Protein backbone atom coordinates (compact mmCIF):
# COMPACT_ATOMS: atom_id res chain seq x y z
CA UNK A 1 0.00 0.00 0.00
CA UNK A 2 1.22 3.46 -0.85
CA UNK A 3 0.66 4.62 2.73
CA UNK A 4 3.29 2.19 4.02
CA UNK A 5 5.80 3.27 1.37
CA UNK A 6 6.42 6.35 3.48
CA UNK A 7 8.84 4.21 5.51
CA UNK A 8 10.94 3.80 2.34
CA UNK A 9 10.91 7.41 1.18
CA UNK A 10 14.63 7.94 1.81
CA UNK A 11 15.59 4.92 -0.29
CA UNK A 12 13.29 5.94 -3.13
CA UNK A 13 13.60 9.74 -3.16
CA UNK A 14 17.11 10.38 -1.78
CA UNK A 15 18.88 7.31 -3.14
CA UNK A 16 17.28 5.67 -6.21
CA UNK A 17 16.09 8.93 -7.79
CA UNK A 18 19.51 10.59 -7.37
CA UNK A 19 22.04 7.85 -8.23
CA UNK A 20 22.38 8.51 -11.95
CA UNK A 21 22.63 12.26 -11.39
CA UNK A 22 25.21 11.92 -8.62
CA UNK A 23 27.59 9.73 -10.66
CA UNK A 24 27.23 11.53 -13.97
CA UNK A 25 25.07 8.91 -15.62
CA UNK A 26 27.58 6.08 -15.10
CA UNK A 27 25.15 4.03 -13.00
CA UNK A 28 21.40 3.59 -12.77
CA UNK A 29 19.06 2.36 -10.08
CA UNK A 30 16.95 0.10 -12.26
CA UNK A 31 14.29 -0.64 -9.68
CA UNK A 32 10.50 -0.71 -10.04
CA UNK A 33 8.37 -0.09 -6.95
CA UNK A 34 4.74 -1.09 -7.21
CA UNK A 35 2.50 1.15 -5.13
CA UNK A 36 -1.17 0.32 -4.58
CA UNK A 37 -3.82 2.93 -3.84
CA UNK A 38 -6.14 1.02 -1.51
CA UNK A 39 -8.90 3.45 -0.62
CA UNK A 40 -12.52 3.13 0.38
CA UNK A 41 -14.18 0.41 2.39
CA UNK A 42 -14.09 2.41 5.63
CA UNK A 43 -10.34 1.97 5.98
CA UNK A 44 -9.74 5.52 7.13
CA UNK A 45 -7.11 8.18 6.60
CA UNK A 46 -3.99 6.05 7.12
CA UNK A 47 -4.82 3.37 4.54
CA UNK A 48 -6.42 5.36 1.72
CA UNK A 49 -3.91 7.90 0.45
CA UNK A 50 -3.23 8.59 -3.22
CA UNK A 51 0.24 10.15 -3.13
CA UNK A 52 1.08 9.99 -6.83
CA UNK A 53 1.63 13.77 -7.00
CA UNK A 54 4.35 13.42 -4.33
CA UNK A 55 6.40 11.01 -6.40
CA UNK A 56 5.72 12.83 -9.67
CA UNK A 57 7.30 15.92 -8.07
CA UNK A 58 10.70 14.20 -7.73
CA UNK A 59 13.21 14.54 -10.61
CA UNK A 60 14.81 11.22 -11.50
CA UNK A 61 11.75 9.11 -10.73
CA UNK A 62 9.54 7.86 -13.52
CA UNK A 63 5.94 7.56 -12.35
CA UNK A 64 3.35 5.54 -14.24
CA UNK A 65 -0.34 5.09 -13.47
CA UNK A 66 -2.30 2.65 -15.67
CA UNK A 67 -6.04 2.97 -16.21
CA UNK A 68 -6.73 0.12 -18.64
CA UNK A 69 -6.17 -3.62 -18.48
CA UNK A 70 -3.66 -3.51 -21.33
CA UNK A 71 -1.68 -0.70 -19.71
CA UNK A 72 -1.69 -2.48 -16.35
CA UNK A 73 0.29 -5.23 -18.04
CA UNK A 74 2.31 -3.36 -20.64
CA UNK A 75 3.35 -0.43 -18.45
CA UNK A 76 4.52 -2.81 -15.73
CA UNK A 77 6.69 -4.67 -18.23
CA UNK A 78 8.03 -1.37 -19.59
CA UNK A 79 8.76 -0.21 -16.05
CA UNK A 80 10.75 -3.34 -15.21
CA UNK A 81 12.74 -3.10 -18.46
CA UNK A 82 13.48 0.61 -17.90
CA UNK A 83 16.98 1.36 -16.54
CA UNK A 84 15.61 4.21 -14.41
CA UNK A 85 13.82 3.95 -11.06
CA UNK A 86 10.07 3.70 -11.63
CA UNK A 87 7.12 4.03 -9.26
CA UNK A 88 4.28 2.00 -10.76
CA UNK A 89 0.97 3.02 -9.18
CA UNK A 90 -2.24 1.06 -9.56
CA UNK A 91 -5.63 1.56 -7.95
CA UNK A 92 -7.50 -1.28 -6.28
CA UNK A 93 -10.76 0.18 -7.61
CA UNK A 94 -9.67 -0.92 -11.09
CA UNK A 95 -9.06 -4.54 -10.17
CA UNK A 96 -12.47 -5.69 -11.42
CA UNK A 97 -11.77 -4.55 -14.99
CA UNK A 98 -11.56 -7.32 -17.56
CA UNK A 99 -10.53 -7.26 -21.22
CA UNK A 100 -9.32 -9.47 -24.03
CA UNK A 101 -5.68 -8.53 -24.40
CA UNK A 102 -3.54 -8.37 -27.52
CA UNK A 103 -0.08 -9.98 -27.46
CA UNK A 104 2.42 -8.51 -25.02
CA UNK A 105 4.20 -5.40 -26.27
CA UNK A 106 7.61 -4.52 -24.88
CA UNK A 107 7.36 -0.73 -24.81
CA UNK A 108 10.06 1.86 -24.22
CA UNK A 109 8.81 3.68 -21.16
CA UNK A 110 10.47 6.90 -22.31
CA UNK A 111 8.33 6.89 -25.48
CA UNK A 112 4.93 6.45 -23.80
CA UNK A 113 2.72 9.55 -23.93
CA UNK A 114 -0.87 10.36 -22.90
CA UNK A 115 -3.46 8.48 -24.94
CA UNK A 116 -6.73 9.78 -26.30
CA UNK A 117 -9.21 7.04 -25.36
CA UNK A 118 -12.28 8.74 -26.81
CA UNK A 119 -12.52 11.52 -29.38
CA UNK A 120 -14.73 14.54 -28.76
CA UNK A 121 -15.30 18.15 -29.74
CA UNK A 122 -16.96 20.03 -26.85
CA UNK A 123 -14.66 19.52 -23.85
CA UNK A 124 -11.37 17.79 -23.01
CA UNK A 125 -11.35 15.59 -19.89
CA UNK A 126 -7.90 14.60 -18.61
CA UNK A 127 -7.38 11.94 -15.96
CA UNK A 128 -5.17 9.08 -14.76
CA UNK A 129 -5.78 5.75 -13.03
CA UNK A 130 -9.26 5.22 -11.60
CA UNK A 131 -10.15 8.81 -12.49
CA UNK A 132 -9.88 7.80 -16.15
CA UNK A 133 -12.59 5.21 -15.58
CA UNK A 134 -14.78 7.93 -14.04
CA UNK A 135 -14.06 10.17 -17.03
CA UNK A 136 -15.05 7.47 -19.52
CA UNK A 137 -18.29 6.74 -17.70
CA UNK A 138 -19.03 10.46 -17.43
CA UNK A 139 -18.45 10.78 -21.16
CA UNK A 140 -21.22 8.25 -21.80
CA UNK A 141 -23.61 10.23 -19.63
CA UNK A 142 -22.62 13.48 -21.33
CA UNK A 143 -23.13 11.87 -24.76
CA UNK A 144 -26.73 11.13 -23.80
CA UNK A 145 -27.08 14.89 -23.28
CA UNK A 146 -25.59 15.65 -26.74
CA UNK A 147 -22.24 16.71 -25.27
CA UNK A 148 -19.12 15.35 -26.97
CA UNK A 149 -16.23 14.88 -24.54
CA UNK A 150 -12.67 13.92 -25.46
CA UNK A 151 -10.99 11.73 -22.80
CA UNK A 152 -7.21 11.69 -22.42
CA UNK A 153 -5.49 9.20 -20.13
CA UNK A 154 -2.16 10.52 -18.83
CA UNK A 155 -0.55 7.07 -18.23
CA UNK A 156 2.85 8.57 -17.30
CA UNK A 157 2.88 11.29 -14.64
CA UNK A 158 6.62 11.95 -14.58
CA UNK A 159 7.97 13.07 -16.93
CA UNK A 160 4.64 14.59 -17.92
CA UNK A 161 4.04 15.01 -21.64
CA UNK A 162 1.32 17.56 -22.29
CA UNK A 163 1.39 17.71 -26.10
CA UNK A 164 -1.77 15.59 -26.66
CA UNK A 165 -3.58 17.65 -24.00
CA UNK A 166 -2.59 20.94 -25.62
CA UNK A 167 -3.73 19.71 -29.03
CA UNK A 168 -7.06 18.57 -27.62
CA UNK A 169 -7.76 21.80 -25.72
CA UNK A 170 -6.90 23.84 -28.81
CA UNK A 171 -9.67 21.89 -30.54
CA UNK A 172 -12.34 21.88 -27.81
CA UNK A 173 -11.53 25.15 -26.04
CA UNK A 174 -12.52 23.64 -22.68
CA UNK A 175 -10.62 21.58 -20.09
CA UNK A 176 -11.65 19.49 -17.10
CA UNK A 177 -9.05 17.56 -15.08
CA UNK A 178 -10.17 14.67 -12.86
CA UNK A 179 -7.73 13.54 -10.19
CA UNK A 180 -8.07 11.09 -7.31
CA UNK A 181 -5.62 13.09 -5.18
CA UNK A 182 -5.95 16.17 -3.06
CA UNK A 183 -6.58 19.52 -4.70
CA UNK A 184 -3.74 21.69 -3.38
CA UNK A 185 -0.43 21.24 -5.25
CA UNK A 186 -1.90 18.19 -6.98
CA UNK A 187 -1.73 16.62 -10.43
CA UNK A 188 -4.75 18.59 -11.64
CA UNK A 189 -3.02 21.87 -10.86
CA UNK A 190 0.04 20.84 -12.88
CA UNK A 191 -2.04 19.91 -15.93
CA UNK A 192 -4.04 23.13 -15.80
CA UNK A 193 -0.87 25.21 -15.34
CA UNK A 194 0.72 23.53 -18.36
CA UNK A 195 -2.31 24.34 -20.49
CA UNK A 196 -2.40 27.92 -19.24
CA UNK A 197 1.26 28.33 -20.22
CA UNK A 198 0.85 26.93 -23.71
CA UNK A 199 -2.68 27.70 -24.88
CA UNK A 200 -3.71 31.23 -25.80
CA UNK A 201 -6.45 32.71 -23.59
CA UNK A 202 -8.33 33.42 -26.81
CA UNK A 203 -8.63 29.68 -27.41
CA UNK A 204 -10.15 28.90 -24.02
CA UNK A 205 -13.90 29.40 -24.13
CA UNK A 206 -14.20 28.94 -20.36
CA UNK A 207 -11.73 28.75 -17.43
CA UNK A 208 -10.45 25.19 -16.84
CA UNK A 209 -12.06 23.14 -14.09
CA UNK A 210 -11.02 20.23 -11.89
CA UNK A 211 -12.52 17.45 -9.85
CA UNK A 212 -10.36 16.27 -6.94
CA UNK A 213 -10.52 15.02 -3.39
CA UNK A 214 -11.21 17.75 -0.84
CA UNK A 215 -8.19 18.88 1.18
CA UNK A 216 -9.01 16.60 4.09
CA UNK A 217 -7.92 13.12 5.21
CA UNK A 218 -10.13 10.24 4.08
CA UNK A 219 -13.07 9.54 6.40
CA UNK A 220 -13.85 6.18 7.94
CA UNK A 221 -17.66 6.41 7.72
CA UNK A 222 -19.15 4.89 4.57
CA UNK A 223 -21.67 7.73 4.35
CA UNK A 224 -18.88 10.31 4.48
CA UNK A 225 -16.91 8.35 1.88
CA UNK A 226 -19.79 8.80 -0.56
CA UNK A 227 -19.35 12.56 -0.19
CA UNK A 228 -15.55 12.53 -0.06
CA UNK A 229 -14.77 10.57 -3.23
CA UNK A 230 -15.68 11.94 -6.69
CA UNK A 231 -18.29 10.05 -8.68
CA UNK A 232 -19.50 9.98 -12.26
CA UNK A 233 -22.19 12.47 -11.28
CA UNK A 234 -19.51 14.78 -9.86
CA UNK A 235 -17.57 14.71 -13.14
CA UNK A 236 -20.70 15.25 -15.24
CA UNK A 237 -21.73 18.22 -13.11
CA UNK A 238 -18.26 19.77 -13.37
CA UNK A 239 -18.25 19.33 -17.15
CA UNK A 240 -21.71 20.86 -17.52
CA UNK A 241 -20.62 23.83 -15.41
CA UNK A 242 -17.74 24.50 -17.80
CA UNK A 243 -20.04 24.11 -20.78
CA UNK A 244 -22.74 26.38 -19.33
């Protein structure tokens, strides 16, 4: 569980992430650490944290976060084959997904970029991990309301490639970022900042929006969890607000 990885932060952040830099590229810490986000189920604040933005903040660490069955397999293989230290983050809320998989592809992790999972013209929805599943389900609901949403799955959080996002926002003129982490200094803020830096204000038809966890530890009560965690309805409402 990602919560318990905090005991290994020195080894991951101060050692593995810095080795290649400290020795001028003559050595690499080719280690892959699998981190599981294990939230919900009344487990409380110490067992439910999504700390992907922490690790994505650290230079020298590659951070991947699969959202599909194929990526869960292929990104893990790519992470293990990568000479750099990789934090591979998966979400237990995706474990029920099933799919018929194509043959294994040995991918170069450095070449993997965000993927457009669904094309659209009215709004761009960017997400990673379980939030991508929410975005895809919200897209279906929006489609029933004659709203065409484009869904982009980040896949790799560090280094973050924003080119597909920029291209999509230049087409739709609207951006919504869905993130399963906290709001302040989170992944959603980084995506929105990157768009603000690279997309002309004249292109944006509305200010970007985001759906995140509130800045509070996870509750233990099941009733409070229903309020705390974003849902498909939350994403749909946020998208409609931007489109209003």
